[in-house]
N, C-alpha and C. Protein backbone atom coordinates (compact mmCIF):
# COMPACT_ATOMS: atom_id res chain seq x y z
N MET A 1 20.05 33.33 63.72
CA MET A 1 20.41 34.03 64.93
C MET A 1 21.02 33.07 65.94
N ALA A 2 20.52 31.83 65.94
CA ALA A 2 21.04 30.84 66.89
C ALA A 2 22.51 30.55 66.62
N GLU A 3 22.89 30.46 65.35
CA GLU A 3 24.29 30.17 65.01
C GLU A 3 25.19 31.32 65.44
N VAL A 4 24.74 32.54 65.28
CA VAL A 4 25.54 33.70 65.70
C VAL A 4 25.73 33.66 67.21
N GLY A 5 24.67 33.37 67.95
CA GLY A 5 24.78 33.27 69.40
C GLY A 5 25.71 32.15 69.84
N ALA A 6 25.59 31.00 69.18
CA ALA A 6 26.46 29.87 69.51
C ALA A 6 27.92 30.20 69.22
N ALA A 7 28.17 30.82 68.07
CA ALA A 7 29.55 31.18 67.71
C ALA A 7 30.10 32.24 68.66
N ALA A 8 29.27 33.19 69.05
CA ALA A 8 29.72 34.23 69.98
C ALA A 8 30.04 33.62 71.34
N ALA A 9 29.20 32.71 71.80
CA ALA A 9 29.45 32.06 73.09
C ALA A 9 30.73 31.22 73.04
N LEU A 10 30.90 30.47 71.95
CA LEU A 10 32.10 29.66 71.81
C LEU A 10 33.35 30.53 71.72
N SER A 11 33.26 31.66 71.03
CA SER A 11 34.40 32.59 70.95
C SER A 11 34.77 33.09 72.34
N GLY A 12 33.77 33.46 73.11
CA GLY A 12 34.03 33.92 74.48
C GLY A 12 34.67 32.85 75.34
N LEU A 13 34.16 31.63 75.21
CA LEU A 13 34.76 30.52 75.98
C LEU A 13 36.20 30.26 75.55
N LEU A 14 36.47 30.38 74.27
CA LEU A 14 37.84 30.20 73.78
C LEU A 14 38.77 31.25 74.35
N PHE A 15 38.31 32.50 74.38
CA PHE A 15 39.13 33.56 74.97
C PHE A 15 39.43 33.25 76.43
N VAL A 16 38.45 32.79 77.16
CA VAL A 16 38.66 32.44 78.57
C VAL A 16 39.65 31.28 78.69
N ALA A 17 39.46 30.22 77.88
CA ALA A 17 40.37 29.07 77.92
C ALA A 17 41.80 29.47 77.59
N ILE A 18 41.94 30.34 76.60
CA ILE A 18 43.29 30.80 76.23
C ILE A 18 43.87 31.64 77.36
N SER A 19 43.07 32.52 77.94
CA SER A 19 43.56 33.37 79.02
C SER A 19 43.99 32.56 80.23
N ILE A 20 43.19 31.58 80.59
CA ILE A 20 43.50 30.75 81.77
C ILE A 20 44.78 29.95 81.55
N ASN A 21 44.97 29.45 80.35
CA ASN A 21 46.11 28.58 80.05
C ASN A 21 47.20 29.27 79.25
N LEU A 22 47.24 30.59 79.25
CA LEU A 22 48.16 31.33 78.39
C LEU A 22 49.62 30.96 78.64
N THR A 23 50.01 30.85 79.89
CA THR A 23 51.41 30.50 80.20
C THR A 23 51.76 29.14 79.62
N THR A 24 50.88 28.18 79.77
CA THR A 24 51.14 26.84 79.24
C THR A 24 51.11 26.85 77.72
N ILE A 25 50.17 27.55 77.13
CA ILE A 25 50.06 27.63 75.67
C ILE A 25 51.34 28.23 75.08
N LEU A 26 51.88 29.25 75.72
CA LEU A 26 53.07 29.91 75.21
C LEU A 26 54.33 29.05 75.34
N LYS A 27 54.27 28.01 76.16
CA LYS A 27 55.42 27.11 76.30
C LYS A 27 55.62 26.25 75.06
N TYR A 28 54.54 26.02 74.31
CA TYR A 28 54.60 25.18 73.12
C TYR A 28 54.57 26.08 71.89
N GLN A 29 55.54 25.90 71.03
CA GLN A 29 55.70 26.78 69.87
C GLN A 29 54.49 26.78 68.94
N HIS A 30 53.82 25.65 68.83
CA HIS A 30 52.72 25.54 67.85
C HIS A 30 51.35 25.92 68.41
N LEU A 31 51.20 26.01 69.73
CA LEU A 31 49.87 26.24 70.29
C LEU A 31 49.32 27.66 70.13
N PRO A 32 50.14 28.72 70.20
CA PRO A 32 49.54 30.03 69.96
C PRO A 32 48.90 30.14 68.57
N GLY A 33 49.55 29.55 67.57
CA GLY A 33 48.97 29.54 66.23
C GLY A 33 47.69 28.74 66.17
N ARG A 34 47.70 27.61 66.86
CA ARG A 34 46.49 26.77 66.87
C ARG A 34 45.34 27.51 67.55
N ALA A 35 45.65 28.24 68.61
CA ALA A 35 44.62 29.03 69.28
C ALA A 35 44.06 30.10 68.33
N ALA A 36 44.95 30.74 67.58
CA ALA A 36 44.51 31.76 66.62
C ALA A 36 43.66 31.13 65.51
N GLU A 37 44.07 29.96 65.02
CA GLU A 37 43.27 29.25 64.01
C GLU A 37 41.86 28.99 64.51
N THR A 38 41.80 28.47 65.73
CA THR A 38 40.51 28.11 66.32
C THR A 38 39.61 29.33 66.44
N LEU A 39 40.17 30.41 66.97
CA LEU A 39 39.38 31.63 67.09
C LEU A 39 38.94 32.15 65.73
N PHE A 40 39.82 32.08 64.76
CA PHE A 40 39.50 32.62 63.44
C PHE A 40 38.34 31.86 62.80
N VAL A 41 38.35 30.54 62.92
CA VAL A 41 37.29 29.73 62.31
C VAL A 41 35.95 30.01 63.00
N VAL A 42 35.97 30.09 64.32
CA VAL A 42 34.72 30.32 65.07
C VAL A 42 34.22 31.75 64.84
N VAL A 43 35.12 32.71 64.85
CA VAL A 43 34.71 34.09 64.58
C VAL A 43 34.23 34.22 63.13
N GLY A 44 34.83 33.45 62.22
CA GLY A 44 34.35 33.43 60.84
C GLY A 44 32.90 32.99 60.76
N ALA A 45 32.55 31.95 61.53
CA ALA A 45 31.16 31.49 61.57
C ALA A 45 30.24 32.58 62.12
N MET A 46 30.72 33.28 63.15
CA MET A 46 29.92 34.34 63.75
C MET A 46 29.72 35.49 62.74
N VAL A 47 30.75 35.84 62.02
CA VAL A 47 30.65 36.91 61.03
C VAL A 47 29.71 36.50 59.89
N LEU A 48 29.84 35.25 59.44
CA LEU A 48 28.95 34.76 58.39
C LEU A 48 27.49 34.85 58.81
N GLY A 49 27.21 34.37 60.01
CA GLY A 49 25.84 34.43 60.51
C GLY A 49 25.35 35.86 60.65
N SER A 50 26.24 36.74 61.08
CA SER A 50 25.87 38.15 61.24
C SER A 50 25.58 38.80 59.89
N VAL A 51 26.41 38.51 58.90
CA VAL A 51 26.19 39.06 57.56
C VAL A 51 24.86 38.55 56.99
N ALA A 52 24.55 37.29 57.27
CA ALA A 52 23.29 36.71 56.77
C ALA A 52 22.07 37.41 57.36
N LEU A 53 22.24 38.05 58.51
CA LEU A 53 21.12 38.73 59.16
C LEU A 53 20.88 40.15 58.65
N ILE A 54 21.75 40.64 57.78
CA ILE A 54 21.57 42.00 57.24
C ILE A 54 20.36 41.99 56.29
N PRO A 55 19.34 42.77 56.61
CA PRO A 55 18.14 42.73 55.77
C PRO A 55 18.34 43.43 54.43
N GLY A 56 17.76 42.86 53.39
CA GLY A 56 17.73 43.48 52.08
C GLY A 56 19.03 43.44 51.29
N MET A 57 20.01 42.68 51.74
CA MET A 57 21.26 42.60 50.99
C MET A 57 21.04 41.82 49.70
N PRO A 58 21.45 42.36 48.58
CA PRO A 58 21.29 41.62 47.32
C PRO A 58 22.04 40.29 47.37
N ALA A 59 21.45 39.27 46.77
CA ALA A 59 22.01 37.91 46.83
C ALA A 59 23.42 37.84 46.27
N LYS A 60 23.69 38.55 45.19
CA LYS A 60 25.03 38.51 44.59
C LYS A 60 26.06 39.14 45.51
N LEU A 61 25.70 40.25 46.15
CA LEU A 61 26.61 40.89 47.10
C LEU A 61 26.83 39.98 48.31
N PHE A 62 25.74 39.41 48.81
CA PHE A 62 25.84 38.48 49.94
C PHE A 62 26.75 37.31 49.57
N GLY A 63 26.58 36.77 48.37
CA GLY A 63 27.43 35.67 47.91
C GLY A 63 28.89 36.06 47.84
N ALA A 64 29.17 37.25 47.35
CA ALA A 64 30.56 37.72 47.25
C ALA A 64 31.18 37.87 48.64
N VAL A 65 30.42 38.44 49.56
CA VAL A 65 30.93 38.60 50.93
C VAL A 65 31.17 37.24 51.56
N VAL A 66 30.24 36.32 51.38
CA VAL A 66 30.38 34.97 51.92
C VAL A 66 31.63 34.29 51.34
N ALA A 67 31.82 34.40 50.04
CA ALA A 67 32.98 33.77 49.40
C ALA A 67 34.29 34.36 49.94
N VAL A 68 34.34 35.66 50.13
CA VAL A 68 35.55 36.30 50.66
C VAL A 68 35.82 35.83 52.08
N ILE A 69 34.78 35.75 52.89
CA ILE A 69 34.95 35.26 54.27
C ILE A 69 35.43 33.81 54.24
N GLY A 70 34.86 33.00 53.37
CA GLY A 70 35.28 31.60 53.24
C GLY A 70 36.74 31.47 52.84
N VAL A 71 37.17 32.29 51.90
CA VAL A 71 38.58 32.27 51.49
C VAL A 71 39.48 32.66 52.67
N ALA A 72 39.07 33.69 53.40
CA ALA A 72 39.85 34.10 54.58
C ALA A 72 39.90 32.98 55.61
N MET A 73 38.77 32.27 55.80
CA MET A 73 38.73 31.15 56.75
C MET A 73 39.65 30.01 56.31
N CYS A 74 39.96 29.95 55.04
CA CYS A 74 40.84 28.92 54.51
C CYS A 74 42.30 29.36 54.54
N VAL A 75 42.55 30.59 54.11
CA VAL A 75 43.93 31.07 53.95
C VAL A 75 44.61 31.34 55.29
N PHE A 76 43.92 32.00 56.20
CA PHE A 76 44.54 32.36 57.48
C PHE A 76 45.04 31.13 58.24
N PRO A 77 44.22 30.10 58.43
CA PRO A 77 44.74 28.90 59.10
C PRO A 77 45.86 28.21 58.31
N ALA A 78 45.78 28.25 56.98
CA ALA A 78 46.82 27.61 56.16
C ALA A 78 48.17 28.29 56.39
N VAL A 79 48.18 29.60 56.46
CA VAL A 79 49.42 30.34 56.71
C VAL A 79 50.00 29.95 58.07
N ILE A 80 49.15 29.89 59.07
CA ILE A 80 49.61 29.50 60.41
C ILE A 80 50.15 28.07 60.39
N GLN A 81 49.45 27.17 59.73
CA GLN A 81 49.87 25.77 59.69
C GLN A 81 51.20 25.59 58.96
N PHE A 82 51.36 26.24 57.83
CA PHE A 82 52.62 26.12 57.09
C PHE A 82 53.78 26.68 57.91
N SER A 83 53.53 27.74 58.63
CA SER A 83 54.56 28.31 59.49
C SER A 83 54.93 27.33 60.61
N ALA A 84 53.92 26.70 61.19
CA ALA A 84 54.18 25.71 62.26
C ALA A 84 54.93 24.50 61.72
N TRP A 85 54.61 24.08 60.51
CA TRP A 85 55.28 22.90 59.94
C TRP A 85 56.74 23.19 59.62
N ARG A 86 57.03 24.41 59.19
CA ARG A 86 58.44 24.76 58.94
C ARG A 86 59.22 24.77 60.24
N ALA A 87 58.57 25.25 61.31
CA ALA A 87 59.25 25.31 62.60
C ALA A 87 59.40 23.93 63.23
N ARG A 88 58.48 23.02 62.89
CA ARG A 88 58.51 21.67 63.48
C ARG A 88 58.36 20.62 62.39
N PRO A 89 59.45 20.28 61.71
CA PRO A 89 59.37 19.28 60.64
C PRO A 89 59.10 17.87 61.15
N ASP A 90 59.17 17.67 62.46
CA ASP A 90 58.94 16.35 63.05
C ASP A 90 57.46 15.98 63.14
N ILE A 91 56.57 16.91 62.85
CA ILE A 91 55.14 16.63 62.95
C ILE A 91 54.76 15.62 61.85
N VAL A 92 54.10 14.55 62.27
CA VAL A 92 53.75 13.49 61.32
C VAL A 92 52.59 13.93 60.43
N VAL A 93 52.52 13.29 59.27
CA VAL A 93 51.52 13.64 58.26
C VAL A 93 50.10 13.51 58.81
N GLN A 94 49.83 12.50 59.62
CA GLN A 94 48.48 12.30 60.15
C GLN A 94 48.03 13.50 60.98
N ARG A 95 48.92 14.05 61.80
CA ARG A 95 48.55 15.21 62.61
C ARG A 95 48.33 16.44 61.73
N ARG A 96 49.16 16.57 60.70
CA ARG A 96 49.00 17.69 59.78
C ARG A 96 47.67 17.58 59.05
N SER A 97 47.33 16.38 58.60
CA SER A 97 46.08 16.17 57.86
C SER A 97 44.87 16.53 58.70
N GLY A 98 44.90 16.15 59.97
CA GLY A 98 43.78 16.47 60.85
C GLY A 98 43.58 17.96 61.00
N ARG A 99 44.69 18.69 61.14
CA ARG A 99 44.59 20.13 61.28
C ARG A 99 44.11 20.78 59.99
N VAL A 100 44.59 20.29 58.88
CA VAL A 100 44.15 20.83 57.58
C VAL A 100 42.65 20.58 57.42
N ALA A 101 42.21 19.38 57.77
CA ALA A 101 40.79 19.05 57.64
C ALA A 101 39.93 19.96 58.52
N LEU A 102 40.41 20.27 59.74
CA LEU A 102 39.64 21.13 60.63
C LEU A 102 39.51 22.55 60.09
N SER A 103 40.38 22.95 59.17
CA SER A 103 40.20 24.27 58.56
C SER A 103 39.50 24.21 57.22
N LEU A 104 39.73 23.15 56.45
CA LEU A 104 39.12 23.08 55.12
C LEU A 104 37.66 22.64 55.14
N VAL A 105 37.31 21.74 56.04
CA VAL A 105 35.92 21.25 56.07
C VAL A 105 34.93 22.40 56.30
N PRO A 106 35.21 23.36 57.18
CA PRO A 106 34.27 24.49 57.29
C PRO A 106 34.41 25.52 56.17
N SER A 107 35.64 25.80 55.74
CA SER A 107 35.83 26.93 54.82
C SER A 107 35.43 26.63 53.38
N LEU A 108 35.70 25.44 52.90
CA LEU A 108 35.37 25.13 51.50
C LEU A 108 33.86 25.19 51.21
N PRO A 109 33.00 24.63 52.08
CA PRO A 109 31.56 24.78 51.82
C PRO A 109 31.10 26.24 51.85
N VAL A 110 31.77 27.06 52.65
CA VAL A 110 31.42 28.48 52.69
C VAL A 110 31.77 29.13 51.36
N VAL A 111 32.94 28.83 50.83
CA VAL A 111 33.33 29.38 49.53
C VAL A 111 32.37 28.89 48.45
N ILE A 112 32.08 27.59 48.45
CA ILE A 112 31.14 27.03 47.46
C ILE A 112 29.78 27.70 47.59
N GLY A 113 29.29 27.85 48.83
CA GLY A 113 28.00 28.51 49.05
C GLY A 113 27.99 29.94 48.55
N GLY A 114 29.10 30.67 48.78
CA GLY A 114 29.20 32.05 48.31
C GLY A 114 29.13 32.13 46.80
N VAL A 115 29.87 31.27 46.12
CA VAL A 115 29.85 31.25 44.65
C VAL A 115 28.47 30.87 44.14
N MET A 116 27.86 29.88 44.79
CA MET A 116 26.52 29.46 44.36
C MET A 116 25.48 30.55 44.59
N LEU A 117 25.65 31.32 45.68
CA LEU A 117 24.75 32.46 45.90
C LEU A 117 24.88 33.48 44.78
N MET A 118 26.11 33.74 44.36
CA MET A 118 26.31 34.70 43.26
C MET A 118 25.69 34.20 41.96
N LEU A 119 25.62 32.87 41.81
CA LEU A 119 25.03 32.27 40.61
C LEU A 119 23.54 31.98 40.77
N ALA A 120 22.97 32.38 41.91
CA ALA A 120 21.54 32.19 42.21
C ALA A 120 21.13 30.71 42.23
N GLU A 121 22.02 29.86 42.69
CA GLU A 121 21.70 28.43 42.83
C GLU A 121 20.86 28.23 44.09
N PRO A 122 19.77 27.48 44.00
CA PRO A 122 18.86 27.32 45.14
C PRO A 122 19.49 26.61 46.36
N SER A 123 20.46 25.75 46.14
CA SER A 123 21.03 25.00 47.27
C SER A 123 22.18 25.72 47.96
N ALA A 124 22.44 26.96 47.60
CA ALA A 124 23.58 27.70 48.15
C ALA A 124 23.54 27.82 49.67
N LEU A 125 22.36 28.09 50.20
CA LEU A 125 22.27 28.28 51.66
C LEU A 125 22.53 27.00 52.43
N TYR A 126 22.31 25.84 51.82
CA TYR A 126 22.64 24.58 52.48
C TYR A 126 24.14 24.45 52.66
N TRP A 127 24.89 24.86 51.63
CA TRP A 127 26.35 24.83 51.73
C TRP A 127 26.82 25.77 52.82
N LEU A 128 26.23 26.94 52.86
CA LEU A 128 26.61 27.92 53.88
C LEU A 128 26.28 27.41 55.28
N ALA A 129 25.11 26.84 55.44
CA ALA A 129 24.72 26.29 56.74
C ALA A 129 25.68 25.18 57.17
N PHE A 130 26.02 24.30 56.24
CA PHE A 130 26.98 23.23 56.56
C PHE A 130 28.32 23.82 56.99
N GLY A 131 28.77 24.84 56.27
CA GLY A 131 30.05 25.47 56.62
C GLY A 131 30.04 26.09 58.00
N ILE A 132 28.95 26.74 58.36
CA ILE A 132 28.86 27.36 59.69
C ILE A 132 28.83 26.30 60.78
N VAL A 133 28.03 25.27 60.60
CA VAL A 133 27.97 24.19 61.61
C VAL A 133 29.34 23.49 61.70
N ALA A 134 29.96 23.25 60.56
CA ALA A 134 31.28 22.61 60.55
C ALA A 134 32.32 23.49 61.25
N ALA A 135 32.21 24.80 61.10
CA ALA A 135 33.13 25.72 61.77
C ALA A 135 32.97 25.63 63.28
N LEU A 136 31.73 25.54 63.74
CA LEU A 136 31.51 25.41 65.19
C LEU A 136 32.04 24.08 65.71
N VAL A 137 31.81 23.01 64.99
CA VAL A 137 32.32 21.70 65.40
C VAL A 137 33.86 21.70 65.38
N ALA A 138 34.45 22.24 64.32
CA ALA A 138 35.91 22.32 64.24
C ALA A 138 36.47 23.17 65.37
N GLY A 139 35.78 24.25 65.69
CA GLY A 139 36.22 25.10 66.81
C GLY A 139 36.19 24.36 68.12
N ILE A 140 35.16 23.57 68.34
CA ILE A 140 35.07 22.80 69.58
C ILE A 140 36.16 21.73 69.63
N LEU A 141 36.38 21.04 68.52
CA LEU A 141 37.42 20.01 68.49
C LEU A 141 38.81 20.61 68.70
N ASN A 142 39.08 21.71 68.05
CA ASN A 142 40.36 22.39 68.21
C ASN A 142 40.50 22.96 69.61
N ALA A 143 39.41 23.48 70.14
CA ALA A 143 39.44 24.10 71.46
C ALA A 143 39.74 23.09 72.56
N TRP A 144 39.43 21.84 72.31
CA TRP A 144 39.68 20.80 73.31
C TRP A 144 41.16 20.75 73.66
N VAL A 145 42.01 21.02 72.69
CA VAL A 145 43.45 20.97 72.91
C VAL A 145 43.88 22.05 73.90
N LEU A 146 43.29 23.23 73.81
CA LEU A 146 43.77 24.37 74.59
C LEU A 146 43.54 24.23 76.09
N PRO A 147 42.35 23.86 76.56
CA PRO A 147 42.20 23.76 78.01
C PRO A 147 42.48 22.38 78.58
N VAL A 148 42.44 21.32 77.77
CA VAL A 148 42.50 19.97 78.31
C VAL A 148 43.78 19.24 77.94
N GLU A 149 44.02 19.07 76.66
CA GLU A 149 45.12 18.23 76.21
C GLU A 149 46.48 18.75 76.63
N ILE A 150 46.66 20.07 76.72
CA ILE A 150 47.97 20.60 77.08
C ILE A 150 48.30 20.34 78.55
N LEU A 151 47.30 20.03 79.34
CA LEU A 151 47.55 19.79 80.77
C LEU A 151 47.84 18.33 81.06
N ARG A 152 47.77 17.47 80.05
CA ARG A 152 48.05 16.04 80.27
C ARG A 152 49.52 15.79 80.40
């Protein structure tokens, strides 16, 4: 429940940060996508935590839902990033790698945890927990750009 509350609070703060800086964010071609990525990862963590709170859900079904959410958390940011890279070929590899890491580090453990849940592996929930915490950390790191870095 704590993770769901933290993700919900962070999502709300992100919406406020985006709203306050919307004019500035829209001036940069890549920032609206980055804002969407950030929201998607954090909302993904909130949805994962919410699904985990559903009582009596069979483990295999829970695992399948978790895996699908993890894939979505991976694919959606990837589509945004590839689109941004086509629009801005001048972006250096180091910056691209950091953004990719901020989406893959949370999403891959979620996918692994979902598959492991379907296979009834005992350590599955550790992978899921790591993915949720990583999503919150990635959301905070990405969110730093929206209210602070763009004003420098």
